């Protein structure tokens, strides 16, 4: 199984908390939820090992029919995918997609919010 380490809560949470300005909460059935400026950008569903994250419109169109990936329930209309453990993605791939989700959400924050979170203009 690829992406095995990042699908474990301690590793997922440590990686997410290492991103600038990020906070982590447990909600929605004990999921580990990464937030930036109060906005969700990724989550881990521990029971299934799925990682849900925000992707660009183009990436959503490319990924949604890929084996092991589906539109994320309740979040799909906002361009989210759910990546299952049986997907082809490695930990490095998942980290890159989580970082991209972080950047997408950072770009939606106001300049003031980004400054308060210590985000540079380059990270948005």
N, C-alpha and C. Protein backbone atom coordinates (compact mmCIF):
# COMPACT_ATOMS: atom_id res chain seq x y z
N UNK A 1 0.86 -1.19 0.00
CA UNK A 1 0.00 0.00 0.00
C UNK A 1 0.89 1.24 0.00
N UNK A 2 0.62 2.14 -0.92
CA UNK A 2 1.39 3.39 -0.99
C UNK A 2 0.79 4.41 -0.03
N UNK A 3 1.58 5.41 0.32
CA UNK A 3 1.09 6.46 1.20
C UNK A 3 0.73 5.94 2.57
N UNK A 4 1.41 4.89 2.98
CA UNK A 4 1.08 4.18 4.21
C UNK A 4 1.39 4.98 5.47
N UNK A 5 2.52 5.65 5.52
CA UNK A 5 2.93 6.37 6.72
C UNK A 5 2.06 7.60 6.96
N UNK A 6 1.81 8.37 5.93
CA UNK A 6 1.05 9.60 6.08
C UNK A 6 -0.41 9.34 6.44
N UNK A 7 -0.86 8.13 6.25
CA UNK A 7 -2.25 7.79 6.58
C UNK A 7 -2.40 7.41 8.06
N UNK A 8 -1.31 7.42 8.78
CA UNK A 8 -1.35 7.20 10.22
C UNK A 8 -1.48 8.56 10.89
N UNK A 9 -2.40 8.67 11.82
CA UNK A 9 -2.71 9.96 12.44
C UNK A 9 -1.49 10.74 12.93
N UNK A 10 -0.58 10.13 13.68
CA UNK A 10 0.55 10.93 14.18
C UNK A 10 1.39 11.54 13.05
N UNK A 11 1.63 10.78 11.99
CA UNK A 11 2.43 11.29 10.88
C UNK A 11 1.68 12.36 10.09
N UNK A 12 0.40 12.13 9.85
CA UNK A 12 -0.42 13.11 9.14
C UNK A 12 -0.46 14.42 9.93
N UNK A 13 -0.75 14.33 11.20
CA UNK A 13 -0.87 15.53 12.03
C UNK A 13 0.46 16.28 12.12
N UNK A 14 1.55 15.56 12.28
CA UNK A 14 2.86 16.22 12.36
C UNK A 14 3.17 16.95 11.05
N UNK A 15 2.87 16.33 9.93
CA UNK A 15 3.14 16.99 8.65
C UNK A 15 2.27 18.23 8.49
N UNK A 16 0.98 18.10 8.74
CA UNK A 16 0.06 19.23 8.58
C UNK A 16 0.45 20.38 9.51
N UNK A 17 0.78 20.07 10.75
CA UNK A 17 1.15 21.13 11.70
C UNK A 17 2.48 21.78 11.35
N UNK A 18 3.28 21.13 10.52
CA UNK A 18 4.54 21.71 10.07
C UNK A 18 4.36 22.76 8.98
N UNK A 19 3.16 22.87 8.43
CA UNK A 19 2.90 23.88 7.40
C UNK A 19 2.61 25.21 8.08
N UNK A 20 3.05 26.32 7.51
CA UNK A 20 2.91 27.63 8.16
C UNK A 20 1.46 28.01 8.45
N UNK A 21 1.24 28.51 9.68
CA UNK A 21 -0.06 29.06 10.06
C UNK A 21 -1.17 28.06 10.27
N UNK A 22 -0.84 26.78 10.25
CA UNK A 22 -1.85 25.72 10.31
C UNK A 22 -2.24 25.37 11.74
N UNK A 23 -3.51 25.06 11.91
CA UNK A 23 -3.98 24.47 13.16
C UNK A 23 -4.67 23.16 12.83
N UNK A 24 -4.79 22.30 13.81
CA UNK A 24 -5.39 21.00 13.60
C UNK A 24 -6.46 20.77 14.65
N UNK A 25 -7.60 20.29 14.21
CA UNK A 25 -8.68 19.94 15.14
C UNK A 25 -9.18 18.54 14.80
N UNK A 26 -9.86 17.96 15.75
CA UNK A 26 -10.51 16.67 15.50
C UNK A 26 -12.01 16.91 15.53
N UNK A 27 -12.64 16.63 14.43
CA UNK A 27 -14.08 16.83 14.32
C UNK A 27 -14.63 15.88 13.25
N UNK A 28 -15.92 15.93 13.04
CA UNK A 28 -16.58 15.10 12.02
C UNK A 28 -16.21 13.62 12.16
N UNK A 29 -16.60 13.04 13.27
CA UNK A 29 -16.33 11.62 13.48
C UNK A 29 -14.88 11.33 13.79
N UNK A 30 -14.22 12.26 14.48
CA UNK A 30 -12.84 12.10 14.93
C UNK A 30 -11.81 12.20 13.80
N UNK A 31 -12.17 12.87 12.71
CA UNK A 31 -11.20 13.10 11.64
C UNK A 31 -10.17 14.13 12.12
N UNK A 32 -8.95 14.01 11.62
CA UNK A 32 -7.90 15.02 11.86
C UNK A 32 -8.04 16.04 10.75
N UNK A 33 -8.39 17.27 11.13
CA UNK A 33 -8.74 18.31 10.16
C UNK A 33 -7.71 19.44 10.19
N UNK A 34 -7.05 19.67 9.05
CA UNK A 34 -6.09 20.76 8.93
C UNK A 34 -6.80 22.03 8.50
N UNK A 35 -6.56 23.13 9.23
CA UNK A 35 -7.21 24.40 8.94
C UNK A 35 -6.17 25.50 8.82
N UNK A 36 -6.51 26.47 8.00
CA UNK A 36 -5.67 27.64 7.80
C UNK A 36 -6.60 28.85 7.81
N UNK A 37 -6.42 29.73 8.79
CA UNK A 37 -7.31 30.88 8.90
C UNK A 37 -8.75 30.48 9.10
N UNK A 38 -8.98 29.36 9.76
CA UNK A 38 -10.34 28.87 10.01
C UNK A 38 -10.94 28.10 8.86
N UNK A 39 -10.23 27.99 7.75
CA UNK A 39 -10.73 27.28 6.57
C UNK A 39 -10.05 25.92 6.46
N UNK A 40 -10.85 24.89 6.20
CA UNK A 40 -10.33 23.53 6.07
C UNK A 40 -9.60 23.38 4.74
N UNK A 41 -8.42 22.73 4.78
CA UNK A 41 -7.72 22.44 3.53
C UNK A 41 -7.41 20.96 3.35
N UNK A 42 -7.44 20.18 4.42
CA UNK A 42 -7.23 18.73 4.29
C UNK A 42 -7.75 18.03 5.54
N UNK A 43 -7.98 16.74 5.40
CA UNK A 43 -8.35 15.96 6.57
C UNK A 43 -8.02 14.50 6.35
N UNK A 44 -7.83 13.80 7.46
CA UNK A 44 -7.59 12.36 7.46
C UNK A 44 -8.76 11.69 8.15
N UNK A 45 -9.36 10.72 7.48
CA UNK A 45 -10.42 9.91 8.08
C UNK A 45 -9.73 8.65 8.60
N UNK A 46 -9.47 8.56 9.91
CA UNK A 46 -8.66 7.45 10.43
C UNK A 46 -9.26 6.08 10.18
N UNK A 47 -10.58 5.96 10.23
CA UNK A 47 -11.21 4.65 10.07
C UNK A 47 -10.94 4.05 8.69
N UNK A 48 -10.94 4.88 7.66
CA UNK A 48 -10.74 4.38 6.29
C UNK A 48 -9.34 4.63 5.76
N UNK A 49 -8.60 5.54 6.39
CA UNK A 49 -7.29 5.92 5.88
C UNK A 49 -7.35 6.87 4.70
N UNK A 50 -8.56 7.37 4.38
CA UNK A 50 -8.69 8.32 3.29
C UNK A 50 -8.16 9.68 3.70
N UNK A 51 -7.51 10.34 2.75
CA UNK A 51 -7.10 11.72 2.92
C UNK A 51 -7.95 12.54 1.96
N UNK A 52 -8.66 13.51 2.52
CA UNK A 52 -9.50 14.42 1.73
C UNK A 52 -8.77 15.74 1.63
N UNK A 53 -8.79 16.33 0.45
CA UNK A 53 -8.14 17.62 0.31
C UNK A 53 -8.71 18.44 -0.83
N UNK A 54 -8.49 19.74 -0.70
CA UNK A 54 -8.91 20.71 -1.71
C UNK A 54 -7.91 20.65 -2.85
N UNK A 55 -8.42 20.63 -4.08
CA UNK A 55 -7.55 20.66 -5.26
C UNK A 55 -8.07 21.72 -6.23
N UNK A 56 -7.24 22.09 -7.18
CA UNK A 56 -7.66 23.05 -8.19
C UNK A 56 -8.75 22.43 -9.06
N UNK A 57 -9.46 23.25 -9.78
CA UNK A 57 -10.52 22.75 -10.66
C UNK A 57 -9.96 21.77 -11.69
N UNK A 58 -8.83 22.10 -12.28
CA UNK A 58 -8.22 21.23 -13.28
C UNK A 58 -7.81 19.89 -12.66
N UNK A 59 -7.20 19.93 -11.48
CA UNK A 59 -6.78 18.70 -10.80
C UNK A 59 -7.99 17.86 -10.42
N UNK A 60 -9.07 18.50 -9.98
CA UNK A 60 -10.29 17.77 -9.64
C UNK A 60 -10.79 16.99 -10.85
N UNK A 61 -10.84 17.63 -11.99
CA UNK A 61 -11.31 16.97 -13.22
C UNK A 61 -10.40 15.80 -13.59
N UNK A 62 -9.10 15.96 -13.41
CA UNK A 62 -8.15 14.90 -13.76
C UNK A 62 -8.18 13.74 -12.77
N UNK A 63 -8.40 14.03 -11.49
CA UNK A 63 -8.27 13.01 -10.46
C UNK A 63 -9.55 12.24 -10.15
N UNK A 64 -10.69 12.84 -10.36
CA UNK A 64 -11.92 12.26 -9.82
C UNK A 64 -12.27 10.88 -10.36
N UNK A 65 -11.78 10.53 -11.54
CA UNK A 65 -12.06 9.21 -12.10
C UNK A 65 -10.88 8.25 -11.98
N UNK A 66 -9.84 8.68 -11.31
CA UNK A 66 -8.66 7.85 -11.10
C UNK A 66 -8.98 6.76 -10.07
N UNK A 67 -8.49 5.52 -10.27
CA UNK A 67 -8.73 4.46 -9.29
C UNK A 67 -8.24 4.86 -7.89
N UNK A 68 -9.07 4.64 -6.89
CA UNK A 68 -8.73 4.97 -5.51
C UNK A 68 -8.99 6.42 -5.14
N UNK A 69 -9.58 7.19 -6.06
CA UNK A 69 -9.91 8.59 -5.79
C UNK A 69 -11.36 8.82 -6.17
N UNK A 70 -12.05 9.56 -5.33
CA UNK A 70 -13.45 9.90 -5.61
C UNK A 70 -13.70 11.33 -5.16
N UNK A 71 -14.75 11.94 -5.69
CA UNK A 71 -15.13 13.24 -5.15
C UNK A 71 -15.46 13.08 -3.67
N UNK A 72 -14.95 13.96 -2.84
CA UNK A 72 -15.16 13.84 -1.39
C UNK A 72 -16.62 14.17 -1.04
N UNK A 73 -17.27 13.27 -0.29
CA UNK A 73 -18.65 13.53 0.11
C UNK A 73 -18.78 14.88 0.82
N UNK A 74 -19.83 15.59 0.50
CA UNK A 74 -20.15 16.91 1.08
C UNK A 74 -19.21 18.03 0.63
N UNK A 75 -18.01 17.69 0.16
CA UNK A 75 -17.01 18.69 -0.20
C UNK A 75 -16.78 18.77 -1.71
N UNK A 76 -17.30 17.83 -2.47
CA UNK A 76 -16.99 17.74 -3.90
C UNK A 76 -17.37 19.01 -4.66
N UNK A 77 -18.48 19.62 -4.30
CA UNK A 77 -18.91 20.82 -5.02
C UNK A 77 -17.90 21.96 -4.88
N UNK A 78 -17.05 21.87 -3.85
CA UNK A 78 -16.01 22.89 -3.65
C UNK A 78 -14.65 22.42 -4.18
N UNK A 79 -14.64 21.31 -4.94
CA UNK A 79 -13.40 20.84 -5.55
C UNK A 79 -12.51 20.02 -4.63
N UNK A 80 -13.11 19.13 -3.87
CA UNK A 80 -12.35 18.26 -2.97
C UNK A 80 -12.37 16.83 -3.48
N UNK A 81 -11.27 16.12 -3.24
CA UNK A 81 -11.19 14.70 -3.55
C UNK A 81 -10.87 13.92 -2.29
N UNK A 82 -11.29 12.66 -2.28
CA UNK A 82 -10.96 11.71 -1.21
C UNK A 82 -10.01 10.68 -1.82
N UNK A 83 -8.82 10.58 -1.26
CA UNK A 83 -7.79 9.67 -1.78
C UNK A 83 -7.70 8.47 -0.86
N UNK A 84 -8.07 7.31 -1.38
CA UNK A 84 -8.10 6.07 -0.60
C UNK A 84 -6.71 5.44 -0.52
N UNK A 85 -6.50 4.57 0.47
CA UNK A 85 -5.20 3.90 0.60
C UNK A 85 -4.80 3.11 -0.64
N UNK A 86 -5.78 2.61 -1.39
CA UNK A 86 -5.44 1.81 -2.57
C UNK A 86 -5.09 2.66 -3.80
N UNK A 87 -5.09 3.97 -3.66
CA UNK A 87 -4.69 4.83 -4.78
C UNK A 87 -3.21 4.61 -5.08
N UNK A 88 -2.77 5.13 -6.21
CA UNK A 88 -1.37 4.96 -6.62
C UNK A 88 -0.43 5.95 -5.95
N UNK A 89 -0.94 6.85 -5.12
CA UNK A 89 -0.13 7.94 -4.59
C UNK A 89 0.75 7.53 -3.41
N UNK A 90 2.01 7.94 -3.50
CA UNK A 90 2.98 7.70 -2.44
C UNK A 90 2.84 8.79 -1.37
N UNK A 91 3.58 8.63 -0.28
CA UNK A 91 3.61 9.67 0.74
C UNK A 91 4.09 11.00 0.16
N UNK A 92 5.10 10.95 -0.70
CA UNK A 92 5.60 12.18 -1.31
C UNK A 92 4.52 12.86 -2.16
N UNK A 93 3.77 12.06 -2.91
CA UNK A 93 2.66 12.61 -3.71
C UNK A 93 1.63 13.27 -2.80
N UNK A 94 1.26 12.56 -1.73
CA UNK A 94 0.25 13.09 -0.81
C UNK A 94 0.72 14.38 -0.15
N UNK A 95 1.99 14.41 0.25
CA UNK A 95 2.54 15.64 0.85
C UNK A 95 2.44 16.80 -0.14
N UNK A 96 2.78 16.55 -1.40
CA UNK A 96 2.72 17.60 -2.41
C UNK A 96 1.29 18.10 -2.60
N UNK A 97 0.31 17.20 -2.60
CA UNK A 97 -1.08 17.61 -2.75
C UNK A 97 -1.59 18.36 -1.51
N UNK A 98 -1.15 17.94 -0.33
CA UNK A 98 -1.54 18.66 0.89
C UNK A 98 -0.93 20.06 0.89
N UNK A 99 0.32 20.18 0.49
CA UNK A 99 0.95 21.50 0.39
C UNK A 99 0.23 22.38 -0.63
N UNK A 100 -0.19 21.79 -1.74
CA UNK A 100 -0.93 22.55 -2.76
C UNK A 100 -2.29 23.00 -2.21
N UNK A 101 -2.95 22.14 -1.44
CA UNK A 101 -4.23 22.52 -0.82
C UNK A 101 -4.03 23.68 0.14
N UNK A 102 -2.95 23.63 0.90
CA UNK A 102 -2.60 24.71 1.83
C UNK A 102 -2.43 26.02 1.06
N UNK A 103 -1.71 25.97 -0.06
CA UNK A 103 -1.50 27.17 -0.89
C UNK A 103 -2.82 27.69 -1.47
N UNK A 104 -3.68 26.77 -1.92
CA UNK A 104 -4.98 27.19 -2.47
C UNK A 104 -5.79 27.96 -1.44
N UNK A 105 -5.84 27.44 -0.22
CA UNK A 105 -6.61 28.10 0.83
C UNK A 105 -5.91 29.39 1.26
N UNK A 106 -4.60 29.39 1.35
CA UNK A 106 -3.87 30.63 1.70
C UNK A 106 -4.19 31.73 0.70
N UNK A 107 -4.32 31.37 -0.56
CA UNK A 107 -4.63 32.35 -1.58
C UNK A 107 -6.01 32.96 -1.46
N UNK A 108 -6.88 32.31 -0.70
CA UNK A 108 -8.24 32.82 -0.50
C UNK A 108 -8.35 33.71 0.73
N UNK A 109 -7.29 33.75 1.52
CA UNK A 109 -7.29 34.57 2.72
C UNK A 109 -6.97 36.02 2.36
N UNK A 110 -7.42 36.92 3.21
CA UNK A 110 -7.08 38.32 2.99
C UNK A 110 -5.60 38.54 3.30
N UNK A 111 -5.06 39.64 2.81
CA UNK A 111 -3.67 39.99 3.08
C UNK A 111 -3.45 40.09 4.60
N UNK A 112 -4.41 40.66 5.30
CA UNK A 112 -4.30 40.80 6.76
C UNK A 112 -4.25 39.42 7.42
N UNK A 113 -5.14 38.51 7.01
CA UNK A 113 -5.13 37.16 7.59
C UNK A 113 -3.81 36.45 7.34
N UNK A 114 -3.31 36.55 6.11
CA UNK A 114 -2.02 35.92 5.79
C UNK A 114 -0.91 36.48 6.67
N UNK A 115 -0.90 37.80 6.87
CA UNK A 115 0.11 38.42 7.72
C UNK A 115 -0.01 37.92 9.16
N UNK A 116 -1.24 37.84 9.67
CA UNK A 116 -1.45 37.38 11.04
C UNK A 116 -0.99 35.92 11.23
N UNK A 117 -1.08 35.14 10.16
CA UNK A 117 -0.67 33.73 10.24
C UNK A 117 0.81 33.53 9.90
N UNK A 118 1.49 34.65 9.59
CA UNK A 118 2.91 34.56 9.27
C UNK A 118 3.19 33.98 7.89
N UNK A 119 2.22 34.12 6.99
CA UNK A 119 2.40 33.60 5.64
C UNK A 119 2.96 34.71 4.75
N UNK A 120 3.95 34.38 3.97
CA UNK A 120 4.50 35.35 3.04
C UNK A 120 3.62 35.39 1.79
N UNK A 121 3.80 36.41 1.00
CA UNK A 121 3.04 36.52 -0.25
C UNK A 121 3.37 35.33 -1.15
N UNK A 122 4.58 34.79 -1.05
CA UNK A 122 4.98 33.66 -1.89
C UNK A 122 4.23 32.38 -1.52
N UNK A 123 3.77 32.26 -0.27
CA UNK A 123 3.08 31.03 0.13
C UNK A 123 1.60 31.08 -0.19
N UNK A 124 1.13 32.17 -0.74
CA UNK A 124 -0.29 32.29 -1.09
C UNK A 124 -0.49 32.05 -2.56
